[in-house]
Protein backbone atom coordinates (compact mmCIF):
# COMPACT_ATOMS: atom_id res chain seq x y z
CA UNK A 1 -19.76 -35.90 21.53
CA UNK A 2 -21.60 -32.57 21.93
CA UNK A 3 -20.37 -29.90 20.03
CA UNK A 4 -18.14 -27.53 22.23
CA UNK A 5 -19.29 -23.94 22.26
CA UNK A 6 -16.38 -21.52 22.73
CA UNK A 7 -18.17 -18.24 23.25
CA UNK A 8 -21.91 -17.06 23.31
CA UNK A 9 -22.67 -13.59 22.70
CA UNK A 10 -26.12 -12.76 23.98
CA UNK A 11 -28.02 -9.45 22.80
CA UNK A 12 -31.62 -8.60 21.81
CA UNK A 13 -31.63 -10.45 18.74
CA UNK A 14 -34.60 -12.92 18.05
CA UNK A 15 -32.72 -15.80 16.38
CA UNK A 16 -29.45 -18.18 17.12
CA UNK A 17 -26.54 -17.68 14.78
CA UNK A 18 -23.54 -19.73 14.69
CA UNK A 19 -20.24 -18.99 13.24
CA UNK A 20 -16.60 -20.40 13.25
CA UNK A 21 -14.07 -17.90 13.82
CA UNK A 22 -10.81 -17.40 11.68
CA UNK A 23 -9.04 -19.57 14.52
CA UNK A 24 -11.69 -22.33 14.49
CA UNK A 25 -13.56 -21.31 17.50
CA UNK A 26 -17.33 -21.86 17.64
CA UNK A 27 -19.04 -18.66 18.45
CA UNK A 28 -22.95 -18.55 19.01
CA UNK A 29 -24.85 -15.12 18.95
CA UNK A 30 -28.24 -15.69 20.85
CA UNK A 31 -31.10 -14.11 22.12
CA UNK A 32 -31.07 -12.90 25.98
CA UNK A 33 -33.37 -15.69 27.31
CA UNK A 34 -32.50 -18.45 24.97
CA UNK A 35 -31.86 -21.54 27.21
CA UNK A 36 -28.53 -23.03 26.87
CA UNK A 37 -29.83 -26.50 26.39
CA UNK A 38 -31.87 -25.29 23.29
CA UNK A 39 -28.68 -23.64 21.98
CA UNK A 40 -26.75 -27.01 22.40
CA UNK A 41 -29.51 -29.08 20.77
CA UNK A 42 -29.34 -26.83 17.57
CA UNK A 43 -25.43 -27.29 17.36
CA UNK A 44 -25.62 -30.76 17.71
CA UNK A 45 -28.23 -30.83 15.09
CA UNK A 46 -25.68 -29.54 12.78
CA UNK A 47 -22.81 -31.44 14.35
CA UNK A 48 -21.37 -32.97 11.44
CA UNK A 49 -20.95 -29.81 9.46
CA UNK A 50 -19.71 -27.86 12.23
CA UNK A 51 -17.05 -30.20 13.42
CA UNK A 52 -15.79 -30.63 9.79
CA UNK A 53 -15.69 -26.95 9.09
CA UNK A 54 -14.01 -26.26 12.23
CA UNK A 55 -11.13 -28.79 11.54
CA UNK A 56 -10.71 -27.53 7.98
CA UNK A 57 -10.56 -23.74 9.39
CA UNK A 58 -8.01 -24.63 12.00
CA UNK A 59 -5.65 -26.42 9.72
CA UNK A 60 -6.03 -23.59 7.17
CA UNK A 61 -5.39 -20.96 9.80
CA UNK A 62 -2.30 -22.59 10.95
CA UNK A 63 -0.93 -23.18 7.38
CA UNK A 64 -1.78 -19.19 6.67
CA UNK A 65 0.16 -18.35 9.89
CA UNK A 66 3.16 -20.09 9.34
CA UNK A 67 4.79 -19.46 5.62
CA UNK A 68 8.02 -21.13 4.92
CA UNK A 69 10.42 -18.93 2.91
CA UNK A 70 12.02 -21.46 0.51
CA UNK A 71 11.65 -22.12 -3.16
CA UNK A 72 8.33 -22.93 -4.42
CA UNK A 73 6.26 -21.69 -1.24
CA UNK A 74 3.05 -19.86 -2.48
CA UNK A 75 2.11 -16.20 -1.72
CA UNK A 76 -1.26 -14.69 -2.36
CA UNK A 77 -1.05 -11.37 -4.41
CA UNK A 78 -4.36 -9.77 -6.13
CA UNK A 79 -6.22 -13.02 -5.44
CA UNK A 80 -3.71 -15.57 -6.97
CA UNK A 81 -1.10 -17.67 -5.39
CA UNK A 82 2.53 -16.67 -6.75
CA UNK A 83 5.68 -18.94 -6.30
CA UNK A 84 8.61 -17.83 -4.43
CA UNK A 85 12.19 -18.00 -5.47
CA UNK A 86 15.28 -17.36 -3.46
CA UNK A 87 18.08 -15.54 -5.21
CA UNK A 88 21.43 -14.50 -4.35
CA UNK A 89 23.21 -11.05 -4.60
CA UNK A 90 19.87 -9.29 -5.17
CA UNK A 91 20.01 -5.56 -4.73
CA UNK A 92 16.51 -5.55 -3.62
CA UNK A 93 15.23 -7.49 -0.43
CA UNK A 94 11.98 -8.56 -2.43
CA UNK A 95 10.79 -7.80 -5.92
CA UNK A 96 7.95 -9.35 -8.12
CA UNK A 97 7.96 -10.09 -12.03
CA UNK A 98 5.95 -11.99 -14.33
CA UNK A 99 4.02 -13.94 -11.26
CA UNK A 100 7.16 -14.93 -9.26
CA UNK A 101 8.37 -13.25 -6.13
CA UNK A 102 11.99 -13.28 -5.55
CA UNK A 103 13.47 -12.99 -2.44
CA UNK A 104 17.11 -12.07 -1.56
CA UNK A 105 18.93 -14.91 0.23
CA UNK A 106 20.30 -12.11 2.55
CA UNK A 107 17.18 -11.13 3.93
CA UNK A 108 15.81 -14.64 4.75
CA UNK A 109 15.86 -13.89 8.53
CA UNK A 110 13.73 -11.10 8.18
CA UNK A 111 11.59 -12.30 5.26
CA UNK A 112 8.30 -12.04 7.22
CA UNK A 113 8.93 -8.23 7.76
CA UNK A 114 10.06 -7.53 4.04
CA UNK A 115 6.92 -9.42 2.74
CA UNK A 116 4.61 -7.44 4.78
CA UNK A 117 6.55 -4.02 3.85
CA UNK A 118 6.30 -4.91 0.44
CA UNK A 119 2.42 -5.77 0.54
CA UNK A 120 1.94 -2.51 2.63
CA UNK A 121 3.45 -0.45 -0.19
CA UNK A 122 1.74 -1.95 -2.94
CA UNK A 123 -1.91 -1.83 -1.07
CA UNK A 124 -1.34 1.99 -0.49
CA UNK A 125 -0.48 2.48 -4.30
CA UNK A 126 -3.30 0.11 -5.60
CA UNK A 127 -5.98 1.07 -3.20
CA UNK A 128 -5.31 5.17 -3.49
CA UNK A 129 -5.55 4.59 -7.39
CA UNK A 130 -8.96 2.97 -7.13
CA UNK A 131 -10.11 5.28 -4.40
CA UNK A 132 -9.34 8.35 -6.28
CA UNK A 133 -11.11 7.09 -9.50
CA UNK A 134 -14.40 6.37 -7.67
CA UNK A 135 -14.11 9.43 -5.71
CA UNK A 136 -13.95 11.64 -8.76
CA UNK A 137 -16.54 9.30 -10.59
CA UNK A 138 -19.24 9.85 -7.72
CA UNK A 139 -17.97 13.17 -6.28
CA UNK A 140 -17.17 11.49 -2.65
CA UNK A 141 -14.24 13.30 -1.23
CA UNK A 142 -12.38 11.50 1.43
CA UNK A 143 -9.53 12.75 3.80
CA UNK A 144 -6.72 10.21 3.26
CA UNK A 145 -6.04 6.35 2.86
CA UNK A 146 -4.71 4.67 5.58
CA UNK A 147 -3.06 1.25 5.55
CA UNK A 148 -3.27 -0.67 8.83
CA UNK A 149 -2.24 -3.97 10.42
CA UNK A 150 -5.99 -4.86 11.05
CA UNK A 151 -6.40 -8.79 10.89
CA UNK A 152 -9.88 -8.90 12.18
CA UNK A 153 -11.51 -6.41 9.49
CA UNK A 154 -10.81 -5.52 6.24
CA UNK A 155 -11.77 -1.91 6.04
CA UNK A 156 -13.22 1.08 8.01
CA UNK A 157 -14.20 4.42 7.53
CA UNK A 158 -13.52 7.10 10.20
CA UNK A 159 -15.71 10.02 11.36
CA UNK A 160 -12.98 12.33 10.09
CA UNK A 161 -13.10 11.04 6.50
CA UNK A 162 -10.31 8.59 6.52
CA UNK A 163 -10.56 5.45 4.47
CA UNK A 164 -8.81 2.62 6.51
CA UNK A 165 -7.67 -0.64 4.91
CA UNK A 166 -5.99 -3.71 6.26
CA UNK A 167 -2.75 -4.23 4.39
CA UNK A 168 -4.17 -7.70 3.59
CA UNK A 169 -6.68 -6.11 1.08
CA UNK A 170 -3.82 -6.64 -1.50
CA UNK A 171 -4.01 -10.30 -1.22
CA UNK A 172 -7.56 -10.31 -2.70
CA UNK A 173 -8.65 -9.98 -6.30
CA UNK A 174 -8.90 -6.72 -8.07
CA UNK A 175 -12.66 -6.64 -7.97
CA UNK A 176 -12.82 -7.49 -4.29
CA UNK A 177 -10.65 -4.70 -3.54
CA UNK A 178 -12.79 -2.44 -5.58
CA UNK A 179 -15.81 -3.27 -3.55
CA UNK A 180 -14.05 -2.68 -0.45
CA UNK A 181 -13.21 0.87 -1.61
CA UNK A 182 -16.67 1.61 -2.77
CA UNK A 183 -18.17 0.13 0.73
CA UNK A 184 -15.85 2.72 2.51
CA UNK A 185 -16.68 5.73 0.10
CA UNK A 186 -20.47 5.22 0.39
CA UNK A 187 -20.04 5.52 4.22
CA UNK A 188 -18.78 8.90 3.72
CA UNK A 189 -22.02 9.96 2.93
CA UNK A 190 -24.33 7.43 4.76
CA UNK A 191 -22.82 6.23 8.15
CA UNK A 192 -25.08 3.26 8.97
CA UNK A 193 -25.88 0.13 6.99
CA UNK A 194 -29.42 1.23 5.97
CA UNK A 195 -31.57 0.43 3.00
CA UNK A 196 -30.26 3.72 1.43
CA UNK A 197 -26.72 2.90 1.90
CA UNK A 198 -26.88 -0.42 0.17
CA UNK A 199 -28.73 1.47 -2.59
CA UNK A 200 -25.71 3.88 -2.70
CA UNK A 201 -23.42 0.98 -2.69
CA UNK A 202 -25.28 -1.00 -5.70
CA UNK A 203 -25.48 2.33 -7.61
CA UNK A 204 -21.61 2.54 -7.47
CA UNK A 205 -21.11 -1.20 -7.99
CA UNK A 206 -24.12 -3.24 -8.99
CA UNK A 207 -22.67 -6.65 -8.57
CA UNK A 208 -21.33 -5.88 -5.23
CA UNK A 209 -22.97 -8.60 -3.42
CA UNK A 210 -20.98 -11.34 -4.99
CA UNK A 211 -17.85 -9.67 -3.83
CA UNK A 212 -19.25 -9.54 -0.18
CA UNK A 213 -19.84 -13.16 -0.35
CA UNK A 214 -16.26 -13.91 -1.68
CA UNK A 215 -15.13 -12.17 1.41
CA UNK A 216 -17.16 -13.94 3.97
CA UNK A 217 -16.22 -17.21 2.25
CA UNK A 218 -12.46 -16.05 2.31
CA UNK A 219 -12.27 -14.32 5.88
CA UNK A 220 -9.14 -16.50 6.66
CA UNK A 221 -7.04 -14.47 4.49
CA UNK A 222 -7.50 -11.31 6.62
CA UNK A 223 -5.58 -13.25 9.40
CA UNK A 224 -2.57 -14.31 7.14
CA UNK A 225 0.89 -13.30 8.56
CA UNK A 226 -0.66 -12.52 11.87
CA UNK A 227 1.81 -12.82 14.59
CA UNK A 228 -0.18 -11.62 17.64
CA UNK A 229 -0.83 -14.66 20.34
CA UNK A 230 -3.44 -15.13 23.01
CA UNK A 231 -6.90 -16.82 23.04
CA UNK A 232 -9.65 -15.90 20.94
CA UNK A 233 -11.83 -14.93 23.99
CA UNK A 234 -9.01 -12.65 25.30
CA UNK A 235 -8.81 -10.92 21.77
CA UNK A 236 -12.62 -10.24 22.00
CA UNK A 237 -12.39 -8.60 25.28
CA UNK A 238 -9.34 -6.33 24.51
CA UNK A 239 -11.18 -5.30 21.16
CA UNK A 240 -14.23 -4.58 23.22
CA UNK A 241 -12.24 -2.43 25.61
CA UNK A 242 -10.63 -0.35 23.12
CA UNK A 243 -13.83 0.11 21.35
CA UNK A 244 -15.25 1.57 24.43
CA UNK A 245 -12.58 4.01 24.91
CA UNK A 246 -12.68 5.45 21.51
CA UNK A 247 -13.29 9.15 21.16
CA UNK A 248 -16.77 9.67 20.32
CA UNK A 249 -16.07 11.76 17.30
CA UNK A 250 -14.23 8.65 15.73
CA UNK A 251 -16.84 6.68 14.02
CA UNK A 252 -15.88 3.33 12.91
CA UNK A 253 -17.91 1.05 10.27
CA UNK A 254 -16.33 -2.40 10.15
CA UNK A 255 -16.88 -4.53 7.20
């Protein structure tokens, strides 16, 4: 059985690159004139790895997408899984104490929204503190912190100086959040991913590379609690259309 290609993205690149999307689709980036036969041959040479990884990715994606709001369910916070306990007569919809999430039984029907609202609030507080500290330390001014619902990118830097972060950033370890902040702060001064840019990032965070690798290896976390429906191809097309209609003064640098 040949490896099924879900999408091919052709460009003026020189090599073939294969990636498995968060949803488990196989996406190929290839040179403009690369024959489909040679692409398929390349994929088939890695058949066992690709199909196994695809299967694991699909299962993990579905598990991340459908959380059960019951005692003992695990929810990420700052890089660690924390247990959930359902409680009665709580004045708060959701609170966190000593490694445990406590969810009021009165809010079970709205648990998904309650969790996301809580994560958003914590993300704003946590990321703002780190951004302010590094901004003062390296004398890089930014406009404001914006917490978004993005599930396909962790963070971005807007042309007007806003630092945008998916609320899901609060799910990852402290050091990784710090790297996300450093990455975007550096874009305030250097817009492109040039050699000078990475030198700037390294100056601010010498061991940044291991955190970038961590994000690559844990990209599925960025899709947690995602409720949108539709195929991967449709989402890509919608995203491209949105990007093409952006105001030219709004520069986005996706991580």
